[in-house]
Amino acid sequence: MPVPVAPEREVFAVSAPRLIGSLLRSGSVLFSILVLVSLVFAVVISGDPAPAFAILPGFLGIAGFVWQRFAGEFGFRAALSPDGIRLRHGLLEARAQTVPPGRVQAVKISQGPLWRGKDWWRVEMNVAGYGGTQNQQTETVLLPVGDRQEALLVLWLVIPDLGTADPQGLLDAALSGSGEGHGFVTDPRRARWLNPLTWRRNGVAMTDRAVLLRGGRFVRRLVVVPHERTQSLGLAQGPLQRRLRVASFALHSTPGPIAPVMPHLDQEVAGALLSEQASRARIARAAAAPERWMTTAPRSEDA
């Protein structure tokens, strides 16, 4: 007897014009255009096609990357079902996967400089069991491109409760804010020699449910790790960091596109965060109730 398919409710869909617009505003396409213009200019000035043969392989590599992203994320749709979050996407090869929220270890929301006018964001994830898969580039995407509300909606699907009284204010500060506020701890002023552009932007905040790591000046990034998903913790301190009395605080996650690291915190603050997060992670794992979808492995199939 065929197994009945669980019902689903579509949450969002990424239109083709928005996907194309996001790619045209990406750094890869901009770099490709600059390379192409430089290539044409060099050939016209020198009258020698040799520069074209020298630069063409790199240009083709970037063009191939852009095409792969377009084909892989075309027709991206997400729906909710009792099994988890169902994702469908693909132009030449249609793919469908079901992601149980209990297997999502970390979430990253990022925004390139050319996306700020539209307030577009990209959401990626680390999923237990996805490390080393052949199609990890597309299987770890929760939202290829969307506005701020859509990006936050995707975050709520995975982490419905951030454990704070003002989640909207915290996320606004995390996505586009800088400096201290809403519980963020930033790099000390002396760390500006190591991070001259981002030392005020880099910051970490802890809530009752998760750790938020904020960074990036030109490419804004926010990484959210639930306490119970913390695999292990680490501190790193290089020779320059020792002279400036700063250290890097890291939360080790499963293999994927996200590496939760906050560089150049005050060394005493980093040590305190390590102890606090170890305690929070231990308590959260002990209190976490078994989730039904955690008993089912993520599914991915080609059509």
Protein backbone atom coordinates (compact mmCIF):
# COMPACT_ATOMS: atom_id res chain seq x y z
CA MET A 1 0.00 0.00 0.00
CA PRO A 2 1.37 3.45 -0.86
CA VAL A 3 2.27 5.60 2.14
CA PRO A 4 0.02 8.70 2.28
CA VAL A 5 1.80 12.03 1.88
CA ALA A 6 1.44 14.40 4.82
CA PRO A 7 -0.47 17.61 4.01
CA GLU A 8 1.50 20.81 3.55
CA ARG A 9 0.91 24.57 3.53
CA GLU A 10 3.03 26.78 1.28
CA VAL A 11 4.80 29.57 3.17
CA PHE A 12 6.63 31.45 0.41
CA ALA A 13 7.91 31.19 -3.15
CA VAL A 14 10.82 33.04 -4.79
CA SER A 15 9.85 34.45 -8.18
CA ALA A 16 12.19 34.19 -11.16
CA PRO A 17 12.49 38.01 -11.59
CA ARG A 18 13.57 38.41 -7.96
CA LEU A 19 16.12 35.59 -8.26
CA ILE A 20 17.56 37.10 -11.44
CA GLY A 21 17.64 40.54 -9.84
CA SER A 22 19.49 39.18 -6.81
CA LEU A 23 22.10 37.53 -9.03
CA LEU A 24 22.59 40.72 -11.04
CA ARG A 25 23.20 42.55 -7.76
CA SER A 26 25.60 39.93 -6.43
CA GLY A 27 29.32 40.47 -6.08
CA SER A 28 30.11 37.60 -8.45
CA VAL A 29 28.16 39.14 -11.34
CA LEU A 30 29.60 42.59 -10.64
CA PHE A 31 33.11 41.16 -10.65
CA SER A 32 32.38 39.28 -13.89
CA ILE A 33 31.22 42.50 -15.55
CA LEU A 34 34.35 44.33 -14.41
CA VAL A 35 36.52 41.49 -15.70
CA LEU A 36 34.70 41.51 -19.04
CA VAL A 37 35.07 45.28 -19.41
CA SER A 38 38.76 45.07 -18.49
CA LEU A 39 39.19 42.24 -20.97
CA VAL A 40 37.62 44.19 -23.82
CA PHE A 41 39.60 47.31 -22.93
CA ALA A 42 42.88 45.37 -22.84
CA VAL A 43 42.21 43.77 -26.22
CA VAL A 44 41.23 47.10 -27.83
CA ILE A 45 44.24 48.98 -26.44
CA SER A 46 46.85 46.34 -27.18
CA GLY A 47 45.33 44.89 -30.32
CA ASP A 48 46.44 41.52 -29.04
CA PRO A 49 43.89 38.83 -28.05
CA ALA A 50 46.38 37.23 -25.63
CA PRO A 51 44.94 38.99 -22.53
CA ALA A 52 41.55 37.51 -23.37
CA PHE A 53 42.92 33.97 -23.23
CA ALA A 54 44.61 34.75 -19.91
CA ILE A 55 41.48 36.08 -18.16
CA LEU A 56 38.81 34.05 -19.94
CA PRO A 57 39.10 30.89 -17.74
CA GLY A 58 38.45 32.86 -14.57
CA PHE A 59 35.53 34.66 -16.18
CA LEU A 60 34.01 31.37 -17.32
CA GLY A 61 34.44 29.96 -13.82
CA ILE A 62 32.47 32.84 -12.29
CA ALA A 63 29.81 32.61 -15.00
CA GLY A 64 29.48 28.89 -14.31
CA PHE A 65 29.02 29.56 -10.60
CA VAL A 66 26.28 32.11 -11.28
CA TRP A 67 24.50 29.74 -13.67
CA GLN A 68 24.73 26.89 -11.17
CA ARG A 69 23.12 29.05 -8.49
CA PHE A 70 20.36 30.22 -10.84
CA ALA A 71 19.56 26.71 -12.05
CA GLY A 72 19.71 25.23 -8.56
CA GLU A 73 17.56 27.89 -6.86
CA PHE A 74 15.05 28.47 -9.67
CA GLY A 75 11.43 28.04 -8.59
CA PHE A 76 12.36 27.92 -4.91
CA ARG A 77 9.31 27.18 -2.72
CA ALA A 78 8.90 26.33 0.95
CA ALA A 79 5.96 24.68 2.68
CA LEU A 80 5.15 23.48 6.19
CA SER A 81 4.15 19.90 6.89
CA PRO A 82 4.07 17.60 9.93
CA ASP A 83 7.37 16.13 8.68
CA GLY A 84 9.18 19.48 8.68
CA ILE A 85 9.97 22.22 6.18
CA ARG A 86 9.54 21.05 2.59
CA LEU A 87 11.75 22.79 0.03
CA ARG A 88 11.43 22.47 -3.74
CA HIS A 89 13.72 24.07 -6.30
CA GLY A 90 15.60 23.48 -9.53
CA LEU A 91 15.41 24.38 -13.22
CA LEU A 92 17.04 21.52 -15.11
CA GLU A 93 16.87 19.09 -12.19
CA ALA A 94 13.90 19.48 -9.86
CA ARG A 95 14.77 18.69 -6.26
CA ALA A 96 12.60 18.19 -3.19
CA GLN A 97 13.76 17.85 0.39
CA THR A 98 12.19 17.80 3.83
CA VAL A 99 14.16 19.43 6.62
CA PRO A 100 13.10 18.50 10.17
CA PRO A 101 13.63 21.69 12.23
CA GLY A 102 15.14 19.62 15.02
CA ARG A 103 18.12 18.81 12.79
CA VAL A 104 18.97 22.43 11.97
CA GLN A 105 22.09 23.25 13.98
CA ALA A 106 22.70 26.88 12.96
CA VAL A 107 21.09 29.56 10.78
CA LYS A 108 22.85 32.39 8.92
CA ILE A 109 21.15 35.49 7.50
CA SER A 110 23.36 37.54 5.17
CA GLN A 111 23.09 40.59 2.93
CA GLY A 112 25.48 41.85 0.26
CA PRO A 113 26.10 45.59 -0.23
CA LEU A 114 24.05 45.76 -3.46
CA TRP A 115 21.04 44.14 -1.76
CA ARG A 116 20.55 46.91 0.81
CA GLY A 117 18.43 49.11 -1.44
CA LYS A 118 15.88 46.28 -1.74
CA ASP A 119 16.52 45.07 1.83
CA TRP A 120 17.05 41.54 0.50
CA TRP A 121 18.54 38.75 2.62
CA ARG A 122 19.75 35.19 2.11
CA VAL A 123 19.19 32.44 4.71
CA GLU A 124 21.38 29.33 4.99
CA MET A 125 21.63 26.54 7.53
CA ASN A 126 23.80 23.79 8.93
CA VAL A 127 21.84 20.53 9.05
CA ALA A 128 22.90 17.40 10.88
CA GLY A 129 23.59 14.69 8.31
CA TYR A 130 24.11 17.05 5.36
CA GLY A 131 27.86 17.50 5.65
CA GLY A 132 29.66 16.14 2.59
CA THR A 133 26.54 15.65 0.47
CA GLN A 134 26.99 16.20 -3.25
CA ASN A 135 24.41 19.00 -3.51
CA GLN A 136 25.23 20.78 -0.25
CA GLN A 137 25.33 24.17 -2.02
CA THR A 138 21.56 24.06 -2.66
CA GLU A 139 20.43 21.70 0.11
CA THR A 140 21.63 24.07 2.86
CA VAL A 141 19.65 27.07 1.54
CA LEU A 142 16.46 28.02 3.38
CA LEU A 143 15.81 31.19 1.38
CA PRO A 144 17.84 32.23 -1.70
CA VAL A 145 16.60 35.83 -1.58
CA GLY A 146 13.80 37.57 0.24
CA ASP A 147 12.94 40.73 2.08
CA ARG A 148 13.54 41.17 5.79
CA GLN A 149 10.13 39.89 6.85
CA GLU A 150 10.52 36.74 4.76
CA ALA A 151 14.00 36.14 6.18
CA LEU A 152 12.72 36.51 9.75
CA LEU A 153 9.76 34.25 8.93
CA VAL A 154 12.21 31.53 7.86
CA LEU A 155 14.13 32.02 11.10
CA TRP A 156 10.91 31.66 13.11
CA LEU A 157 10.16 28.38 11.32
CA VAL A 158 13.39 26.92 12.66
CA ILE A 159 13.67 28.79 15.98
CA PRO A 160 10.15 29.93 16.94
CA ASP A 161 11.24 31.39 20.29
CA LEU A 162 14.45 33.37 20.76
CA GLY A 163 13.92 33.62 24.51
CA THR A 164 13.79 37.41 24.72
CA ALA A 165 11.06 39.93 25.52
CA ASP A 166 11.80 42.03 22.42
CA PRO A 167 12.74 39.65 19.57
CA GLN A 168 12.03 42.20 16.82
CA GLY A 169 14.26 44.84 18.40
CA LEU A 170 17.01 42.29 18.99
CA LEU A 171 16.91 41.09 15.37
CA ASP A 172 16.85 44.62 13.97
CA ALA A 173 19.99 45.41 16.00
CA ALA A 174 21.52 42.12 14.87
CA LEU A 175 20.83 42.61 11.16
CA SER A 176 21.65 46.28 10.66
CA GLY A 177 22.83 47.70 13.98
CA SER A 178 26.26 48.33 15.46
CA GLY A 179 27.70 49.01 18.86
CA GLU A 180 26.32 47.74 22.13
CA GLY A 181 22.62 47.56 22.82
CA HIS A 182 19.98 44.84 23.04
CA GLY A 183 22.48 42.71 24.94
CA PHE A 184 25.28 42.70 22.35
CA VAL A 185 28.89 42.61 23.46
CA THR A 186 31.26 44.07 20.85
CA ASP A 187 34.99 44.06 20.23
CA PRO A 188 36.97 46.42 22.48
CA ARG A 189 38.36 49.62 21.01
CA ARG A 190 41.89 48.26 20.96
CA ALA A 191 40.71 45.53 18.52
CA ARG A 192 40.26 48.18 15.81
CA TRP A 193 43.88 47.51 14.76
CA LEU A 194 42.79 44.00 13.75
CA ASN A 195 39.29 44.93 12.53
CA PRO A 196 39.42 48.58 11.47
CA LEU A 197 36.06 48.45 9.62
CA THR A 198 34.01 45.98 11.63
CA TRP A 199 35.11 46.26 15.26
CA ARG A 200 31.94 48.19 16.18
CA ARG A 201 29.74 45.94 14.08
CA ASN A 202 31.07 42.60 15.41
CA GLY A 203 29.11 41.47 18.44
CA VAL A 204 27.63 38.53 20.29
CA ALA A 205 24.43 38.34 22.32
CA MET A 206 22.91 35.54 24.40
CA THR A 207 19.23 34.97 25.07
CA ASP A 208 17.51 32.24 27.01
CA ARG A 209 17.27 30.11 23.87
CA ALA A 210 20.12 30.96 21.49
CA VAL A 211 23.42 32.70 20.77
CA LEU A 212 23.48 35.46 18.15
CA LEU A 213 26.74 36.38 16.41
CA ARG A 214 26.71 39.57 14.34
CA GLY A 215 29.43 40.73 11.93
CA GLY A 216 30.38 42.19 8.58
CA ARG A 217 30.39 45.79 7.39
CA PHE A 218 29.99 45.38 3.62
CA VAL A 219 28.43 41.91 3.76
CA ARG A 220 26.23 41.83 6.84
CA ARG A 221 25.95 38.48 8.60
CA LEU A 222 23.93 37.14 11.51
CA VAL A 223 24.41 33.60 12.82
CA VAL A 224 21.92 32.12 15.28
CA VAL A 225 22.75 28.92 17.19
CA PRO A 226 20.23 27.40 19.64
CA HIS A 227 21.87 26.50 22.94
CA GLU A 228 20.96 22.82 22.70
CA ARG A 229 22.54 22.58 19.21
CA THR A 230 25.99 23.64 20.42
CA GLN A 231 28.40 20.82 19.57
CA SER A 232 31.41 22.17 21.45
CA LEU A 233 33.12 25.47 22.27
CA GLY A 234 36.57 26.92 21.76
CA LEU A 235 38.81 29.92 22.33
CA ALA A 236 41.69 30.89 20.02
CA GLN A 237 44.35 33.54 20.56
CA GLY A 238 47.13 34.37 18.13
CA PRO A 239 50.31 36.34 18.89
CA LEU A 240 48.81 39.71 17.90
CA GLN A 241 45.68 38.93 19.86
CA ARG A 242 47.78 38.17 22.94
CA ARG A 243 49.45 41.57 22.69
CA LEU A 244 46.06 43.26 22.43
CA ARG A 245 44.48 41.00 25.09
CA VAL A 246 41.71 39.76 22.79
CA ALA A 247 40.58 36.27 21.75
CA SER A 248 38.25 34.57 19.28
CA PHE A 249 35.16 32.80 20.60
CA ALA A 250 33.89 29.83 18.53
CA LEU A 251 30.85 27.58 18.65
CA HIS A 252 31.59 24.35 16.81
CA SER A 253 28.75 23.20 14.58
CA THR A 254 28.11 20.34 12.16
CA PRO A 255 29.71 20.62 8.68
CA GLY A 256 28.01 23.21 6.49
CA PRO A 257 28.27 26.76 5.17
CA ILE A 258 28.19 28.32 8.66
CA ALA A 259 31.18 28.64 10.99
CA PRO A 260 29.99 30.46 14.16
CA VAL A 261 33.04 32.45 15.24
CA MET A 262 33.31 35.86 16.88
CA PRO A 263 36.85 37.24 16.54
CA HIS A 264 38.77 39.67 18.74
CA LEU A 265 36.60 39.88 21.84
CA ASP A 266 38.18 41.01 25.08
CA GLN A 267 39.91 37.90 26.41
CA GLU A 268 38.15 38.07 29.77
CA VAL A 269 34.78 38.55 28.07
CA ALA A 270 35.50 35.63 25.73
CA GLY A 271 36.38 33.39 28.68
CA ALA A 272 33.19 34.37 30.50
CA LEU A 273 31.13 33.67 27.37
CA LEU A 274 32.74 30.24 27.09
CA SER A 275 31.77 29.32 30.64
CA GLU A 276 28.27 30.78 30.34
CA GLN A 277 27.53 29.07 27.03
CA ALA A 278 28.81 25.72 28.28
CA SER A 279 26.38 25.96 31.19
CA ARG A 280 23.47 27.14 29.01
CA ALA A 281 24.07 24.39 26.43
CA ARG A 282 24.18 21.71 29.12
CA ILE A 283 20.95 22.92 30.73
CA ALA A 284 19.20 23.31 27.35
CA ARG A 285 20.11 19.79 26.22
CA ALA A 286 18.86 18.34 29.50
CA ALA A 287 15.56 20.25 29.30
CA ALA A 288 14.93 19.73 25.57
CA ALA A 289 11.89 17.54 24.94
CA PRO A 290 12.14 14.83 22.26
CA GLU A 291 10.93 16.13 18.92
CA ARG A 292 9.00 13.81 16.63
CA TRP A 293 10.82 14.94 13.50
CA MET A 294 14.20 14.23 15.08
CA THR A 295 13.50 10.51 14.70
CA THR A 296 13.27 10.87 10.92
CA ALA A 297 16.35 11.48 8.79
CA PRO A 298 16.26 14.38 6.28
CA ARG A 299 15.06 13.26 2.87
CA SER A 300 16.25 14.48 -0.48
CA GLU A 301 15.16 13.14 -3.83
CA ASP A 302 15.64 13.98 -7.49
CA ALA A 303 12.75 14.25 -9.92
